[in-house]
Amino acid sequence: MTPKRKKITASIVMLFVLISCGIFFYLGNRDRNTYLNNKPVLYGIGTIVEFQRGAKVAPWFTYEFFYGEDKYIGKLPITSELRKLNNSVIQNRFIGRKFLVKFSLNKPKYNEMDITKPIPDSLLGCVKCNWEISPF
């Protein structure tokens, strides 16, 4: 095989891999959005348990919530002004706090936390509660 032919073959293989990855991620995200927007969803209480800052990605919170007796884990990328705050300030302000989580009834692994809706004091003791509509 000539060097020119090797370059062409490698380029075609790379293009195929990139297109395949793009399709895979597009379909995965579309599936998640379909489950959260069109399928039956529930609301629950999620607790932020960890904060991480990546080197080349947006920082994120890791949270957990319950559906029945099962515990699920979710991640919330921080893309707002919060990402500019000091790590210790974010940890002191958010770790252990509870917020509203929307998740798919059929696949609870598809979930999202709404950090703008902290849980009111009247619901703080209800960790394993779930609702069909937002309780507030």
Protein backbone atom coordinates (compact mmCIF):
# COMPACT_ATOMS: atom_id res chain seq x y z
CA MET A 1 0.00 0.00 0.00
CA THR A 2 1.39 3.38 -0.96
CA PRO A 3 1.68 6.20 1.60
CA LYS A 4 -0.96 8.23 -0.24
CA ARG A 5 -3.42 5.31 -0.14
CA LYS A 6 -2.71 4.80 3.59
CA LYS A 7 -3.55 8.45 4.30
CA ILE A 8 -6.80 8.23 2.33
CA THR A 9 -7.80 5.01 4.12
CA ALA A 10 -6.96 6.48 7.53
CA SER A 11 -8.95 9.62 6.71
CA ILE A 12 -11.99 7.58 5.68
CA VAL A 13 -11.79 5.47 8.84
CA MET A 14 -11.48 8.58 11.04
CA LEU A 15 -14.43 10.22 9.29
CA PHE A 16 -16.52 7.08 9.82
CA VAL A 17 -15.58 6.97 13.54
CA LEU A 18 -16.45 10.66 14.03
CA ILE A 19 -19.80 10.30 12.27
CA SER A 20 -20.60 7.18 14.32
CA CYS A 21 -19.76 8.94 17.59
CA GLY A 22 -21.86 11.95 16.62
CA ILE A 23 -24.86 9.76 15.82
CA PHE A 24 -24.44 7.80 19.05
CA PHE A 25 -24.33 10.92 21.24
CA TYR A 26 -27.17 12.60 19.34
CA LEU A 27 -29.46 9.59 19.74
CA GLY A 28 -28.55 9.17 23.41
CA ASN A 29 -29.33 12.81 24.20
CA ARG A 30 -32.53 12.69 22.15
CA ASP A 31 -33.64 9.62 24.09
CA ARG A 32 -32.99 11.40 27.42
CA ASN A 33 -34.92 14.49 26.33
CA THR A 34 -37.80 12.34 25.08
CA TYR A 35 -38.10 10.59 28.42
CA LEU A 36 -37.98 13.83 30.41
CA ASN A 37 -40.32 15.88 28.21
CA ASN A 38 -42.90 13.50 26.73
CA LYS A 39 -43.12 10.45 28.94
CA PRO A 40 -44.61 10.27 32.44
CA VAL A 41 -42.28 11.98 34.89
CA LEU A 42 -42.10 12.25 38.65
CA TYR A 43 -40.61 14.83 40.95
CA GLY A 44 -38.54 14.05 43.99
CA ILE A 45 -36.07 15.52 46.42
CA GLY A 46 -32.40 15.37 45.50
CA THR A 47 -29.49 16.02 47.84
CA ILE A 48 -26.20 17.41 46.55
CA VAL A 49 -23.48 15.12 47.83
CA GLU A 50 -20.37 16.17 45.93
CA PHE A 51 -18.81 19.00 43.94
CA GLN A 52 -16.10 18.43 41.36
CA ARG A 53 -14.16 20.76 39.12
CA GLY A 54 -12.78 19.30 35.89
CA ALA A 55 -9.69 20.51 34.09
CA LYS A 56 -11.34 21.10 30.71
CA VAL A 57 -15.04 20.68 31.47
CA ALA A 58 -17.56 22.69 33.44
CA PRO A 59 -17.64 21.92 37.16
CA TRP A 60 -20.54 19.75 38.33
CA PHE A 61 -22.55 18.66 41.31
CA THR A 62 -23.28 15.03 41.99
CA TYR A 63 -26.67 14.47 43.61
CA GLU A 64 -28.72 11.53 44.76
CA PHE A 65 -32.45 10.97 44.99
CA PHE A 66 -34.80 8.11 45.79
CA TYR A 67 -37.54 6.46 43.80
CA GLY A 68 -39.20 3.89 46.02
CA GLU A 69 -36.40 2.14 47.87
CA ASP A 70 -33.85 2.62 45.08
CA LYS A 71 -31.24 5.37 45.17
CA TYR A 72 -30.23 7.07 41.92
CA ILE A 73 -27.27 9.32 41.17
CA GLY A 74 -27.31 12.33 38.85
CA LYS A 75 -24.89 15.01 37.74
CA LEU A 76 -25.59 18.68 37.21
CA PRO A 77 -23.07 20.70 35.17
CA ILE A 78 -22.58 24.19 36.55
CA THR A 79 -22.72 26.63 33.66
CA SER A 80 -23.90 29.75 35.47
CA GLU A 81 -21.99 32.35 37.46
CA LEU A 82 -21.52 29.73 40.19
CA ARG A 83 -18.58 28.30 38.30
CA LYS A 84 -16.56 31.45 39.08
CA LEU A 85 -16.89 31.01 42.86
CA ASN A 86 -14.20 29.53 45.05
CA ASN A 87 -14.44 25.75 45.66
CA SER A 88 -14.84 26.12 49.42
CA VAL A 89 -17.62 28.70 48.98
CA ILE A 90 -19.52 26.36 46.66
CA GLN A 91 -19.03 23.38 48.96
CA ASN A 92 -20.19 25.30 52.03
CA ARG A 93 -23.18 26.74 50.21
CA PHE A 94 -24.46 23.67 48.34
CA ILE A 95 -23.20 20.34 49.71
CA GLY A 96 -26.04 18.72 51.66
CA ARG A 97 -28.73 21.07 50.33
CA LYS A 98 -31.88 19.65 48.78
CA PHE A 99 -33.43 20.65 45.46
CA LEU A 100 -36.22 19.46 43.19
CA VAL A 101 -35.37 16.60 40.79
CA LYS A 102 -37.43 15.71 37.73
CA PHE A 103 -36.99 12.14 36.51
CA SER A 104 -38.55 9.69 34.09
CA LEU A 105 -40.99 7.23 35.62
CA ASN A 106 -39.88 4.51 33.19
CA LYS A 107 -36.13 5.20 33.37
CA PRO A 108 -35.16 7.13 36.52
CA LYS A 109 -31.56 7.26 35.28
CA TYR A 110 -32.83 10.07 33.04
CA ASN A 111 -33.10 12.92 35.52
CA GLU A 112 -32.32 16.58 36.03
CA MET A 113 -32.03 18.75 39.11
CA ASP A 114 -33.45 22.26 39.25
CA ILE A 115 -30.98 24.21 41.37
CA THR A 116 -33.27 27.26 41.29
CA LYS A 117 -35.90 25.40 43.35
CA PRO A 118 -34.62 24.63 46.84
CA ILE A 119 -36.89 22.40 48.89
CA PRO A 120 -39.02 24.39 51.36
CA ASP A 121 -38.58 23.67 55.08
CA SER A 122 -41.95 21.91 55.27
CA LEU A 123 -40.70 19.14 52.91
CA LEU A 124 -37.14 18.67 54.17
CA GLY A 125 -38.02 15.57 56.20
CA CYS A 126 -39.59 13.84 53.19
CA VAL A 127 -36.50 12.35 51.52
CA LYS A 128 -38.17 9.43 49.69
CA CYS A 129 -41.29 11.31 48.57
CA ASN A 130 -42.25 11.49 44.90
CA TRP A 131 -44.95 13.53 43.18
CA GLU A 132 -46.62 13.47 39.77
CA ILE A 133 -46.63 17.26 39.64
CA SER A 134 -44.18 19.67 41.17
CA PRO A 135 -45.09 20.14 44.85
CA PHE A 136 -44.29 23.87 44.69
